[in-house]
Protein backbone atom coordinates (compact mmCIF):
# COMPACT_ATOMS: atom_id res chain seq x y z
CA MET A 1 -2.52 57.50 -28.32
CA SER A 2 -1.23 55.41 -31.15
CA ASP A 3 -1.42 56.75 -34.66
CA GLN A 4 -2.42 53.32 -35.92
CA GLU A 5 -6.11 52.84 -36.37
CA PRO A 6 -7.43 49.64 -34.69
CA LEU A 7 -8.69 46.92 -36.96
CA GLY A 8 -11.47 44.55 -36.06
CA LYS A 9 -14.45 44.57 -33.71
CA ARG A 10 -12.58 42.68 -30.98
CA MET A 11 -9.95 45.39 -30.57
CA LEU A 12 -12.61 48.10 -30.55
CA ASP A 13 -14.49 46.29 -27.78
CA GLN A 14 -11.30 45.99 -25.73
CA LEU A 15 -10.63 49.72 -26.04
CA ARG A 16 -14.20 50.52 -25.10
CA ASN A 17 -13.96 48.35 -21.97
CA HIS A 18 -10.80 50.11 -20.84
CA THR A 19 -12.47 53.50 -21.14
CA GLU A 20 -15.02 52.70 -18.44
CA PRO A 21 -14.54 54.71 -15.24
CA TYR A 22 -12.77 53.02 -12.31
CA GLN A 23 -15.04 51.69 -9.62
CA PRO A 24 -13.86 52.23 -6.01
CA GLU A 25 -14.33 48.58 -5.00
CA ALA A 26 -13.28 46.99 -8.28
CA TRP A 27 -9.80 46.08 -7.09
CA GLU A 28 -11.10 44.59 -3.85
CA ASP A 29 -13.61 42.52 -5.79
CA PHE A 30 -10.87 41.29 -8.09
CA GLU A 31 -8.70 40.27 -5.13
CA GLN A 32 -11.59 38.37 -3.58
CA PHE A 33 -12.28 36.63 -6.89
CA ARG A 34 -8.64 35.62 -7.26
CA THR A 35 -8.49 34.38 -3.66
CA ALA A 36 -11.64 32.30 -4.12
CA LYS A 37 -10.30 30.84 -7.36
CA ASN A 38 -7.01 29.86 -5.73
CA ARG A 39 -8.89 28.34 -2.81
CA ASN A 40 -11.00 26.21 -5.14
CA ARG A 41 -7.88 25.04 -6.97
CA ARG A 42 -6.19 24.05 -3.71
CA THR A 43 -9.31 22.20 -2.60
CA VAL A 44 -9.45 20.18 -5.82
CA LEU A 45 -5.76 19.29 -5.59
CA TYR A 46 -6.17 18.28 -1.95
CA TRP A 47 -9.03 15.92 -2.67
CA LEU A 48 -7.27 14.45 -5.67
CA SER A 49 -4.25 13.70 -3.49
CA ALA A 50 -6.46 12.30 -0.73
CA ALA A 51 -8.30 10.03 -3.17
CA ALA A 52 -5.02 8.82 -4.68
CA VAL A 53 -3.77 7.52 -1.32
CA PRO A 54 -6.38 4.73 -0.82
CA VAL A 55 -6.38 3.95 -4.55
CA LEU A 56 -2.63 3.36 -4.64
CA LEU A 57 -2.68 1.47 -1.35
CA GLY A 58 -5.54 -0.74 -2.46
CA SER A 59 -3.90 -1.43 -5.82
CA ALA A 60 -0.66 -2.48 -4.16
CA LEU A 61 -2.42 -4.76 -1.69
CA LEU A 62 -4.60 -6.34 -4.38
CA THR A 63 -1.57 -6.94 -6.59
CA SER A 64 0.36 -8.63 -3.79
CA ASP A 65 -2.71 -10.67 -2.85
CA MET A 66 -3.19 -11.89 -6.44
CA LEU A 67 0.48 -12.78 -6.78
CA ALA A 68 0.38 -14.75 -3.54
CA ARG A 69 -2.78 -16.54 -4.68
CA PHE A 70 -1.81 -17.52 -8.24
CA ILE A 71 1.92 -18.14 -7.68
CA PRO A 72 2.14 -20.48 -4.67
CA ALA A 73 5.44 -20.96 -2.96
CA THR A 74 7.10 -24.33 -3.75
CA PRO A 75 9.66 -25.17 -1.08
CA ILE A 76 12.68 -27.15 -2.20
CA VAL A 77 13.50 -30.25 -0.17
CA THR A 78 17.05 -31.42 -0.57
CA HIS A 79 18.38 -34.88 0.25
CA LYS A 80 21.94 -35.86 0.94
CA GLU A 81 22.59 -38.56 -1.61
CA LYS A 82 25.69 -40.64 -1.92
CA LYS A 83 27.35 -41.25 -5.22
CA GLY A 84 26.15 -43.89 -7.64
CA GLY A 85 28.06 -46.96 -6.54
CA GLN A 86 29.06 -46.10 -2.96
CA THR A 87 27.85 -48.39 -0.22
CA ASN A 88 27.85 -48.03 3.54
CA GLY A 89 31.19 -49.74 3.81
CA GLY A 90 32.86 -47.17 1.58
CA GLN A 91 33.39 -49.59 -1.37
CA THR A 92 32.48 -48.31 -4.80
CA ASN A 93 31.33 -50.30 -7.81
CA ALA A 94 32.33 -48.04 -10.68
CA TRP A 95 31.54 -50.55 -13.46
CA HIS A 96 27.73 -50.32 -13.29
CA PRO A 97 25.72 -47.05 -13.67
CA ARG A 98 22.93 -45.88 -11.36
CA LYS A 99 19.39 -46.59 -12.52
CA PRO A 100 16.21 -44.70 -11.55
CA HIS A 101 14.36 -47.98 -10.88
CA ALA A 102 15.59 -51.12 -9.24
CA GLY A 103 15.73 -54.15 -11.46
CA ILE A 104 17.88 -56.46 -13.53
CA SER A 105 19.06 -55.19 -16.90
CA ASP A 106 20.11 -57.21 -19.93
CA ASN A 107 23.36 -55.25 -20.13
CA ALA A 108 24.47 -56.40 -16.68
CA VAL A 109 28.19 -56.89 -16.34
CA PRO A 110 29.25 -59.83 -14.14
CA LEU A 111 31.75 -59.45 -11.39
CA PRO A 112 35.30 -60.11 -12.59
CA PHE A 113 36.17 -62.57 -9.83
CA PRO A 114 34.00 -65.64 -9.69
CA GLN A 115 32.81 -67.15 -6.46
CA LEU A 116 31.96 -70.81 -6.05
CA SER A 117 28.68 -71.67 -4.40
CA ALA A 118 28.46 -74.04 -1.47
CA GLU A 119 26.44 -76.60 -3.45
CA SER A 120 29.05 -76.79 -6.19
CA GLN A 121 31.82 -77.39 -3.65
CA GLU A 122 29.97 -80.26 -2.01
CA SER A 123 29.16 -82.04 -5.29
CA PRO A 124 32.04 -81.57 -7.70
CA GLY A 125 30.96 -84.48 -9.83
CA THR A 126 27.52 -83.22 -10.72
CA PRO A 127 26.52 -83.76 -14.34
CA LYS A 128 26.01 -80.85 -16.73
CA GLU A 129 22.22 -81.29 -17.03
CA TYR A 130 21.79 -81.35 -13.27
CA SER A 131 23.86 -78.17 -12.92
CA GLU A 132 21.75 -76.34 -15.49
CA ASN A 133 18.51 -77.42 -13.78
CA ALA A 134 19.92 -76.48 -10.39
CA SER A 135 21.02 -73.08 -11.59
CA LEU A 136 17.61 -72.46 -13.17
CA GLY A 137 15.85 -73.54 -9.98
CA SER A 138 18.07 -71.39 -7.83
CA ARG A 139 17.29 -68.37 -9.97
CA LYS A 140 13.54 -68.91 -9.70
CA GLU A 141 13.68 -69.61 -5.97
CA TYR A 142 15.87 -66.61 -5.26
CA SER A 143 13.76 -64.27 -7.36
CA LYS A 144 10.67 -65.28 -5.34
CA LYS A 145 12.50 -64.76 -2.07
CA ALA A 146 13.93 -61.47 -3.24
CA SER A 147 10.53 -60.10 -4.28
CA HIS A 148 8.92 -61.32 -1.05
CA GLY A 149 11.77 -59.98 1.06
CA SER A 150 11.79 -56.64 -0.69
CA ARG A 151 8.12 -56.11 0.19
CA LYS A 152 8.74 -56.97 3.84
CA GLY A 153 11.97 -55.08 4.23
CA HIS A 154 10.85 -51.96 2.42
CA SER A 155 9.08 -50.49 5.45
CA LYS A 156 11.91 -51.44 7.84
CA LYS A 157 14.81 -50.29 5.72
CA GLY A 158 13.03 -47.41 4.02
CA ALA A 159 14.38 -44.79 6.39
CA ALA A 160 17.94 -46.03 5.96
CA LEU A 161 17.64 -46.08 2.16
CA ALA A 162 16.05 -42.63 1.88
CA ASP A 163 19.41 -41.02 1.26
CA THR A 164 21.51 -43.79 -0.27
CA GLY A 165 18.82 -45.48 -2.40
CA SER A 166 17.65 -49.07 -2.38
CA ALA A 167 19.56 -52.03 -3.71
CA GLU A 168 18.42 -55.33 -5.16
CA ILE A 169 20.95 -58.15 -5.11
CA THR A 170 20.31 -61.20 -7.24
CA ASP A 171 22.48 -64.33 -7.29
CA PHE A 172 22.84 -66.17 -10.54
CA ALA A 173 24.32 -69.58 -11.06
CA LEU A 174 25.74 -70.07 -14.53
CA THR A 175 27.45 -73.06 -16.00
CA ASN A 176 30.85 -72.95 -17.54
CA ASP A 177 29.37 -72.67 -21.06
CA GLN A 178 27.38 -69.56 -20.13
CA LEU A 179 30.42 -67.68 -18.80
CA PRO A 180 31.95 -64.92 -20.94
CA LYS A 181 35.05 -65.80 -22.88
CA ALA A 182 37.37 -63.56 -20.84
CA ASN A 183 36.23 -65.14 -17.60
CA ARG A 184 36.59 -68.64 -19.00
CA GLU A 185 40.20 -67.94 -19.95
CA GLN A 186 40.94 -66.49 -16.53
CA SER A 187 39.22 -69.38 -14.80
CA ALA A 188 41.18 -71.85 -16.89
CA GLU A 189 44.42 -70.39 -15.57
CA ASN A 190 43.42 -70.33 -11.90
CA ILE A 191 41.13 -73.33 -11.53
CA ASN A 192 41.75 -77.00 -12.02
CA PRO A 193 40.56 -77.95 -15.53
CA GLY A 194 39.12 -81.19 -14.21
CA LEU A 195 36.42 -79.37 -12.26
CA LEU A 196 35.21 -77.02 -15.02
CA ALA A 197 32.83 -79.44 -16.67
CA SER A 198 30.73 -80.23 -13.61
CA ARG A 199 31.11 -77.22 -11.31
CA PRO A 200 28.59 -74.35 -11.78
CA PHE A 201 29.67 -70.76 -11.32
CA SER A 202 27.71 -68.22 -9.27
CA PHE A 203 28.12 -64.48 -9.08
CA THR A 204 26.20 -61.47 -7.77
CA ILE A 205 24.82 -58.48 -9.69
CA ALA A 206 23.90 -55.40 -7.65
CA ARG A 207 21.69 -52.59 -8.93
CA PHE A 208 20.98 -49.44 -6.91
CA GLY A 209 17.85 -47.39 -7.35
CA LYS A 210 16.31 -44.48 -5.51
CA SER A 211 13.29 -45.70 -3.59
CA TYR A 212 10.26 -43.52 -2.87
CA ILE A 213 9.77 -42.93 0.83
CA SER A 214 7.11 -40.48 2.01
CA LEU A 215 8.61 -37.91 4.33
CA PRO A 216 6.67 -36.10 7.06
CA GLU A 217 4.52 -33.21 5.92
CA SER A 218 6.52 -30.67 7.92
CA GLN A 219 9.68 -31.50 5.94
CA THR A 220 8.20 -31.41 2.45
CA ARG A 221 5.89 -28.38 2.68
CA GLU A 222 6.18 -25.08 4.38
CA THR A 223 3.30 -23.80 6.44
CA GLN A 224 1.33 -21.40 4.29
CA PRO A 225 0.18 -18.20 6.03
CA PRO A 226 -3.59 -17.81 6.35
CA HIS A 227 -5.19 -15.98 3.46
CA ARG A 228 -6.50 -12.57 4.53
CA SER A 229 -9.21 -11.21 2.27
CA ILE A 230 -10.08 -7.56 1.81
CA ARG A 231 -13.53 -6.75 3.14
CA TRP A 232 -15.89 -4.16 1.72
CA GLY A 233 -19.35 -3.00 2.62
CA VAL A 234 -21.56 -0.10 3.66
CA THR A 235 -21.62 2.18 6.71
CA ILE A 236 -24.59 3.91 8.32
CA SER A 237 -23.85 6.49 11.01
CA GLN A 238 -25.82 8.62 13.44
CA GLN A 239 -24.13 11.55 15.16
CA SER A 240 -24.64 14.85 16.90
CA ASN A 241 -22.39 17.90 17.16
CA ARG A 242 -21.64 19.35 20.57
CA ALA A 243 -20.38 22.80 21.52
CA ALA A 244 -21.04 25.44 24.15
CA HIS A 245 -24.70 26.50 24.47
CA THR A 246 -25.97 24.01 21.92
CA ASP A 247 -29.01 21.80 21.70
CA MET A 248 -28.53 18.19 20.60
CA GLU A 249 -29.68 17.51 17.07
CA LEU A 250 -29.26 14.15 15.32
CA ASN A 251 -27.59 13.87 11.94
CA TYR A 252 -27.26 10.87 9.63
CA GLY A 253 -24.64 9.71 7.16
CA LEU A 254 -24.15 6.98 4.57
CA GLY A 255 -21.03 5.69 2.86
CA GLY A 256 -18.86 2.79 1.78
CA ALA A 257 -16.22 0.98 3.85
CA LEU A 258 -13.07 -0.93 2.91
CA LEU A 259 -11.10 -3.05 5.42
CA VAL A 260 -7.58 -4.07 4.42
CA PRO A 261 -6.07 -6.60 6.89
CA PHE A 262 -2.37 -6.27 7.71
CA SER A 263 -2.29 -9.18 10.17
CA ASP A 264 -4.68 -11.30 12.21
CA LYS A 265 -5.37 -8.39 14.59
CA ILE A 266 -4.58 -5.18 12.69
CA ALA A 267 -6.51 -3.80 9.72
CA LEU A 268 -6.77 -0.51 7.85
CA VAL A 269 -10.26 1.02 7.69
CA THR A 270 -10.92 3.42 4.84
CA GLY A 271 -13.66 4.33 2.39
CA ILE A 272 -15.76 7.39 1.65
CA SER A 273 -18.91 8.73 3.30
CA GLY A 274 -21.20 11.74 3.19
CA SER A 275 -23.43 13.23 5.86
CA LYS A 276 -25.64 16.24 6.44
CA GLN A 277 -24.55 18.14 9.54
CA SER A 278 -26.14 20.79 11.70
CA LEU A 279 -25.33 22.73 14.85
CA ASN A 280 -27.98 24.56 16.86
CA VAL A 281 -26.42 27.29 19.01
CA GLN A 282 -28.56 29.05 21.62
CA GLU A 283 -27.53 32.48 22.81
CA PRO A 284 -27.28 32.84 26.60
CA ALA A 285 -29.80 35.00 28.44
CA ARG A 286 -27.19 37.53 29.55
CA LEU A 287 -26.96 38.86 26.00
CA ASN A 288 -30.57 40.03 25.98
CA ALA A 289 -31.03 43.28 24.14
CA ALA A 290 -33.06 46.23 25.32
CA ALA A 291 -36.83 46.12 25.06
CA GLY A 292 -38.19 47.11 21.68
CA SER A 293 -35.20 45.94 19.70
CA ALA A 294 -34.49 42.62 17.97
CA GLN A 295 -32.87 40.02 20.17
CA LEU A 296 -30.83 37.11 18.74
CA GLN A 297 -32.17 33.85 20.10
CA GLY A 298 -30.01 31.33 18.30
CA VAL A 299 -28.22 30.31 15.16
CA ARG A 300 -28.66 27.07 13.29
CA TYR A 301 -25.76 26.12 11.02
CA ARG A 302 -26.23 23.63 8.20
CA TRP A 303 -23.60 22.07 5.93
CA VAL A 304 -22.56 18.85 4.16
CA ASN A 305 -19.53 16.75 5.08
CA LEU A 306 -17.50 14.52 2.76
CA GLU A 307 -15.04 12.28 4.57
CA ILE A 308 -12.34 9.71 3.78
CA PRO A 309 -11.31 7.89 6.98
CA LEU A 310 -7.80 6.53 7.48
CA GLN A 311 -8.05 4.49 10.66
CA VAL A 312 -6.29 1.51 12.18
CA GLN A 313 -8.49 -1.17 13.75
CA TYR A 314 -7.09 -3.50 16.41
CA LYS A 315 -8.81 -6.64 17.70
CA LEU A 316 -8.75 -6.59 21.48
CA LYS A 317 -10.41 -9.93 22.20
CA THR A 318 -12.20 -12.60 20.21
CA PHE A 319 -14.72 -15.13 21.55
CA LYS A 320 -15.69 -17.56 18.77
CA LYS A 321 -17.77 -15.33 16.47
CA ILE A 322 -17.86 -12.22 18.68
CA GLY A 323 -14.94 -9.81 18.84
CA PHE A 324 -14.09 -6.49 20.49
CA THR A 325 -12.17 -3.87 18.52
CA ALA A 326 -10.56 -0.47 19.04
CA SER A 327 -10.11 2.06 16.24
CA GLY A 328 -8.11 5.24 15.98
CA GLY A 329 -6.77 7.54 13.32
CA LEU A 330 -7.46 10.60 11.21
CA ALA A 331 -9.91 11.47 8.48
CA LEU A 332 -9.69 13.72 5.45
CA GLN A 333 -12.81 15.85 5.74
CA THR A 334 -14.24 18.74 3.78
CA SER A 335 -17.40 20.76 4.30
CA VAL A 336 -19.42 22.64 1.71
CA GLY A 337 -22.81 24.30 1.41
CA GLN A 338 -22.82 26.04 4.78
CA ALA A 339 -25.82 28.20 5.56
CA ALA A 340 -26.85 29.91 8.78
CA ASP A 341 -30.36 30.65 10.03
CA TYR A 342 -30.44 33.53 12.56
CA HIS A 343 -33.51 33.56 14.78
CA TYR A 344 -34.56 36.86 16.33
CA LYS A 345 -37.19 37.81 18.87
CA THR A 346 -38.62 41.27 19.30
CA GLN A 347 -40.60 42.24 22.41
CA ARG A 348 -42.93 45.22 22.39
CA THR A 349 -45.20 46.50 25.14
CA ILE A 350 -48.52 48.06 24.15
CA ALA A 351 -50.09 50.35 26.77
CA THR A 352 -53.68 51.61 26.66
CA PHE A 353 -54.48 54.99 28.23
CA ALA A 354 -57.78 56.73 28.84
CA GLU A 355 -58.22 60.49 28.85
CA THR A 356 -59.80 61.83 32.00
CA ALA A 357 -60.19 65.24 33.55
CA GLY A 358 -57.16 64.64 35.64
CA GLY A 359 -55.10 63.48 32.66
CA PRO A 360 -54.36 60.16 30.92
CA VAL A 361 -54.92 57.06 32.95
CA LEU A 362 -53.27 53.70 32.17
CA VAL A 363 -55.93 51.22 31.42
CA SER A 364 -53.99 48.09 30.34
CA THR A 365 -50.62 46.90 29.09
CA GLN A 366 -49.87 44.13 26.65
CA THR A 367 -46.51 42.56 25.69
CA VAL A 368 -46.16 41.37 22.14
CA GLU A 369 -43.33 39.09 20.96
CA GLU A 370 -42.45 38.82 17.33
CA LEU A 371 -40.22 36.01 15.98
CA SER A 372 -38.28 36.38 12.79
CA SER A 373 -35.44 34.61 11.02
CA VAL A 374 -32.82 35.62 8.54
CA THR A 375 -30.93 33.13 6.35
CA GLU A 376 -27.36 33.84 5.37
CA ASP A 377 -25.90 31.71 2.59
CA ASP A 378 -23.06 33.85 1.26
CA LYS A 379 -20.60 31.07 2.24
CA LYS A 380 -22.55 28.28 0.62
CA ARG A 381 -19.93 27.69 -2.06
CA ASP A 382 -16.92 27.79 0.22
CA TRP A 383 -14.93 24.57 0.60
CA VAL A 384 -13.19 24.08 3.94
CA VAL A 385 -10.77 21.20 4.49
CA GLY A 386 -9.97 19.70 7.89
CA SER A 387 -8.67 16.56 9.57
CA PRO A 388 -10.63 15.38 12.61
CA LEU A 389 -9.19 12.94 15.12
CA TYR A 390 -11.17 9.68 15.41
CA LEU A 391 -11.41 7.32 18.40
CA GLY A 392 -13.84 4.43 18.73
CA LEU A 393 -14.60 1.14 20.49
CA GLY A 394 -16.76 -1.49 18.85
CA ILE A 395 -18.13 -5.00 18.91
CA SER A 396 -18.33 -7.28 15.86
CA TYR A 397 -20.15 -10.48 14.97
CA GLN A 398 -18.81 -12.85 12.29
CA TRP A 399 -21.23 -14.98 10.30
CA GLN A 400 -19.73 -16.99 7.42
CA ASN A 401 -18.28 -14.36 5.04
CA THR A 402 -20.26 -11.45 6.51
CA ALA A 403 -19.33 -9.30 9.50
CA VAL A 404 -21.55 -6.83 11.37
CA GLU A 405 -19.86 -4.17 13.51
CA VAL A 406 -21.36 -1.60 15.86
CA GLU A 407 -18.91 1.11 16.90
CA PRO A 408 -19.51 4.20 19.07
CA TYR A 409 -16.98 6.93 18.30
CA VAL A 410 -15.84 10.46 19.06
CA LYS A 411 -14.43 12.94 16.53
CA TYR A 412 -12.62 16.14 17.36
CA PRO A 413 -11.52 18.49 14.55
CA LEU A 414 -7.86 19.48 14.35
CA GLY A 415 -8.35 22.99 13.01
CA ALA A 416 -11.26 24.57 11.21
CA SER A 417 -13.80 22.19 9.73
CA THR A 418 -16.56 24.65 8.76
CA ALA A 419 -16.69 27.97 6.97
CA GLU A 420 -17.53 29.75 10.22
CA ARG A 421 -14.59 28.00 11.97
CA LEU A 422 -16.84 26.37 14.51
CA ARG A 423 -15.20 24.48 17.35
CA LEU A 424 -17.29 21.39 17.91
CA THR A 425 -17.06 17.76 18.98
CA THR A 426 -18.95 14.99 17.18
CA VAL A 427 -20.31 12.03 19.13
CA GLY A 428 -22.03 9.20 17.30
CA ILE A 429 -22.41 5.53 16.52
CA GLN A 430 -21.97 3.70 13.23
CA LEU A 431 -23.15 0.37 11.87
CA ARG A 432 -20.74 -1.30 9.44
CA LEU A 433 -21.71 -4.29 7.29
CA THR A 434 -18.78 -5.84 5.41
CA LYS A 435 -18.31 -8.91 3.23
CA LYS A 436 -15.32 -10.74 1.73
């Protein structure tokens, strides 16, 4: 013992608790309590991990779906374009820039080498006024022909000008007075001065512009994949548990469903559902007890299932609005609240005797049966986790944005799925109503 005197009521209470006598089963009770506490902690962690899987998967799919919806793909269409002044013959006109629209600009630079028109060669003695009127008329006439010809030839030559651009060529006839000074000096050196006064000068100005030609749809836009929407809805199920020496008893469940399409034929089926389960086991007749003692007739187990399915659905065949599907996968399942009702039967025979001079005489016999039941719920708070295997075939009907599916299925547990470690097979049918 310590020579220091304890201070405070808390320390005194702790010392008083340690002075209690040791109970024989105290350590076993403590071990059971610690085991149950660890089991509950593992169960909570398991269900948190199981719930995180569909949440993360759904978040990733919704994010990718929103990105694909709000950021459409814009394919880039490239054209092989030739340089600004290059023509089909390989000759380049480097002295005039490329314009976005075809037309005649005020800053047009004439060709350095003049060309004489045919009319001017035939009539060298034409007066100056006649040459100006002729040049003005030729410009008007040619502009009308050019505009009319460009409308006709646009459809014919559009394919050829898709890469190189369109060109408008306009001929102008200018008199000697309208020529630039540099060209007049050069013409004076090369041409007879006697012909300058009456001979008009004609030249050509070419302007290239990129014409708009509609290309086929397949070349300008890529084929967008069909938009696959996530479907959600409700599920109603009816099932029965089967095992050896059992009577069929129907159970019902309700939950939510989520269908995430991966392709046109494959989809992930998940969600969460709850159901109330039961299993009615009848003891065989060969286990009958002796007369006068209690005989076990059967046991009825009751519990609650919580389930998160992780199944893959495949479309086998589709006829307009009707389709046939096959589903398979696992499910994260836990059971809780298990209770067992034990039914007993006791048979007793009552005999009536009468006393006579010769001794007791049997008068009558009567058999009495007494039925009793005992409920055991010591495992009601136990959580048991399992993973049943799921297989099903169904038929679906599509109507606008709503789909109705009827799917018979079979579930077989891989391991223990109840607190009593019952080995059972579940057969049922579910109705699934989903909407985009």
